[in-house]
Amino acid sequence: MHKAGKDEALNLPIFTNNEEAQIKVKVSEDSYIHIFSISQDGAVTKLLPGQYFPKRFLKANEELIFPDTTQRDMGLRLKVQAPEGLRKAVESLVVIATKGGDEEFLQDVQSPNLIDLWQELSKIDSSSWADEMVGYEIRR
């Protein structure tokens, strides 16, 4: 995860309210990519794939930037915001790489949370997926 327009990843990302973020993913094996945002209260928002952005398949060592320049030019911006009434918040991004393309996480779950996501992942052979979670702080 990094600040939009910057190339370097942040080890301990700290954003100011309404600052724009981008996600950079590189895989070591051919994989389908799923990206989720986890709010401070554990609510999950699926970022990719989504209604307007289909599943993404990456070859080994290929890199994905989300949103990329084209998506940003179309108006897609990942702006981080602390919840109303809080001076700061700690949130996370979860990237899941799967070997198969059949997974549709949280399709039928209303108001999904992190437990819902982990429960769906537990139903899949653990050798067919990997995950990476990155936390970040938002300050007003």
Protein backbone atom coordinates (compact mmCIF):
# COMPACT_ATOMS: atom_id res chain seq x y z
CA MET A 1 0.00 0.00 0.00
CA HIS A 2 1.27 3.44 -0.83
CA LYS A 3 0.13 7.02 -1.23
CA ALA A 4 -1.28 7.71 -4.70
CA GLY A 5 1.33 8.98 -7.10
CA LYS A 6 4.22 7.54 -5.06
CA ASP A 7 6.03 4.35 -5.97
CA GLU A 8 7.44 3.31 -2.63
CA ALA A 9 5.44 1.05 -0.33
CA LEU A 10 5.01 2.18 3.25
CA ASN A 11 6.05 -0.14 6.07
CA LEU A 12 3.79 1.60 8.57
CA PRO A 13 1.40 3.58 6.38
CA ILE A 14 0.01 6.72 7.98
CA PHE A 15 -2.46 8.75 5.97
CA THR A 16 -4.20 12.01 6.67
CA ASN A 17 -7.98 12.06 6.34
CA ASN A 18 -9.14 12.03 2.68
CA GLU A 19 -5.68 11.18 1.37
CA GLU A 20 -5.64 8.91 -1.66
CA ALA A 21 -4.10 5.42 -1.51
CA GLN A 22 -3.11 2.85 -4.11
CA ILE A 23 -2.48 -0.86 -3.70
CA LYS A 24 0.43 -2.62 -5.35
CA VAL A 25 0.35 -6.43 -5.59
CA LYS A 26 3.01 -8.74 -6.99
CA VAL A 27 2.59 -12.52 -6.92
CA SER A 28 5.16 -15.30 -6.97
CA GLU A 29 2.78 -17.77 -8.66
CA ASP A 30 0.01 -17.41 -11.25
CA SER A 31 -2.96 -16.18 -9.21
CA TYR A 32 -6.38 -14.55 -9.17
CA ILE A 33 -6.39 -11.46 -6.97
CA HIS A 34 -9.06 -10.43 -4.45
CA ILE A 35 -8.71 -7.19 -2.45
CA PHE A 36 -10.72 -6.27 0.65
CA SER A 37 -10.79 -3.23 2.91
CA ILE A 38 -11.29 -3.91 6.62
CA SER A 39 -12.59 -1.00 8.69
CA GLN A 40 -11.66 -0.39 12.31
CA ASP A 41 -14.87 -2.10 13.45
CA GLY A 42 -14.20 -5.23 11.33
CA ALA A 43 -16.61 -4.46 8.47
CA VAL A 44 -15.38 -5.77 5.11
CA THR A 45 -15.69 -4.03 1.75
CA LYS A 46 -14.77 -5.92 -1.41
CA LEU A 47 -12.63 -3.71 -3.65
CA LEU A 48 -11.60 -6.20 -6.34
CA PRO A 49 -13.19 -7.90 -8.14
CA GLY A 50 -16.23 -5.68 -8.14
CA GLN A 51 -19.18 -4.61 -10.19
CA TYR A 52 -17.07 -2.54 -12.58
CA PHE A 53 -13.76 -4.35 -12.31
CA PRO A 54 -13.71 -8.06 -13.14
CA LYS A 55 -11.46 -10.72 -11.68
CA ARG A 56 -7.78 -10.06 -12.22
CA PHE A 57 -5.40 -12.85 -13.12
CA LEU A 58 -1.70 -12.20 -12.63
CA LYS A 59 1.14 -14.30 -13.98
CA ALA A 60 4.03 -15.07 -11.62
CA ASN A 61 6.06 -11.89 -10.92
CA GLU A 62 3.45 -9.68 -12.63
CA GLU A 63 2.40 -6.54 -10.76
CA LEU A 64 -1.04 -5.01 -10.26
CA ILE A 65 -1.64 -1.43 -9.17
CA PHE A 66 -5.18 -0.68 -7.99
CA PRO A 67 -6.53 1.71 -8.93
CA ASP A 68 -4.21 2.16 -11.89
CA THR A 69 -3.83 5.38 -13.88
CA THR A 70 -6.71 4.53 -16.24
CA GLN A 71 -9.05 3.74 -13.33
CA ARG A 72 -8.01 6.92 -11.53
CA ASP A 73 -8.63 8.94 -14.71
CA MET A 74 -12.14 7.42 -14.77
CA GLY A 75 -12.70 8.77 -11.24
CA LEU A 76 -11.94 5.71 -9.09
CA ARG A 77 -10.06 6.94 -6.04
CA LEU A 78 -9.31 5.09 -2.82
CA LYS A 79 -9.60 7.88 -0.29
CA VAL A 80 -9.04 6.92 3.31
CA GLN A 81 -11.29 8.43 5.95
CA ALA A 82 -11.43 8.10 9.70
CA PRO A 83 -14.91 7.35 11.02
CA GLU A 84 -16.96 10.38 12.02
CA GLY A 85 -16.12 11.56 15.52
CA LEU A 86 -12.69 9.86 15.67
CA ARG A 87 -9.38 11.70 15.41
CA LYS A 88 -7.65 8.57 14.14
CA ALA A 89 -8.44 5.03 13.06
CA VAL A 90 -6.56 1.84 12.30
CA GLU A 91 -7.77 -0.10 9.28
CA SER A 92 -6.43 -2.86 7.03
CA LEU A 93 -6.28 -4.17 3.51
CA VAL A 94 -6.35 -7.88 2.79
CA VAL A 95 -5.12 -9.25 -0.51
CA ILE A 96 -5.99 -12.87 -1.25
CA ALA A 97 -4.33 -14.71 -4.13
CA THR A 98 -6.06 -17.91 -5.26
CA LYS A 99 -4.95 -20.57 -7.74
CA GLY A 100 -8.48 -21.13 -9.03
CA GLY A 101 -10.77 -18.57 -10.58
CA ASP A 102 -14.02 -19.96 -9.17
CA GLU A 103 -13.95 -18.21 -5.80
CA GLU A 104 -16.57 -15.52 -5.24
CA PHE A 105 -16.02 -14.31 -1.71
CA LEU A 106 -18.85 -12.71 0.30
CA GLN A 107 -21.34 -12.89 -2.60
CA ASP A 108 -24.42 -13.55 -0.49
CA VAL A 109 -23.36 -11.98 2.81
CA GLN A 110 -25.15 -8.85 3.97
CA SER A 111 -22.88 -6.47 5.90
CA PRO A 112 -19.85 -8.82 5.84
CA ASN A 113 -17.20 -8.76 8.53
CA LEU A 114 -13.74 -10.25 8.87
CA ILE A 115 -15.09 -13.45 10.45
CA ASP A 116 -17.33 -14.02 7.40
CA LEU A 117 -14.32 -13.70 5.09
CA TRP A 118 -12.15 -16.09 7.15
CA GLN A 119 -15.03 -18.60 7.33
CA GLU A 120 -15.31 -18.62 3.53
CA LEU A 121 -11.55 -19.02 3.18
CA SER A 122 -11.59 -21.95 5.63
CA LYS A 123 -13.77 -23.90 3.19
CA ILE A 124 -11.05 -23.77 0.51
CA ASP A 125 -7.96 -26.00 0.47
CA SER A 126 -5.31 -23.93 2.25
CA SER A 127 -2.69 -24.90 -0.34
CA SER A 128 -4.68 -23.11 -3.07
CA TRP A 129 -4.58 -19.58 -1.62
CA ALA A 130 -2.38 -17.10 0.23
CA ASP A 131 -3.14 -13.82 1.93
CA GLU A 132 -1.38 -10.67 2.99
CA MET A 133 -2.78 -8.12 5.42
CA VAL A 134 -1.47 -4.57 5.73
CA GLY A 135 -2.60 -2.24 8.45
CA TYR A 136 -2.61 1.53 8.15
CA GLU A 137 -3.51 4.51 10.29
CA ILE A 138 -5.69 7.46 9.34
CA ARG A 139 -5.29 10.75 11.20
CA ARG A 140 -7.53 13.79 11.05
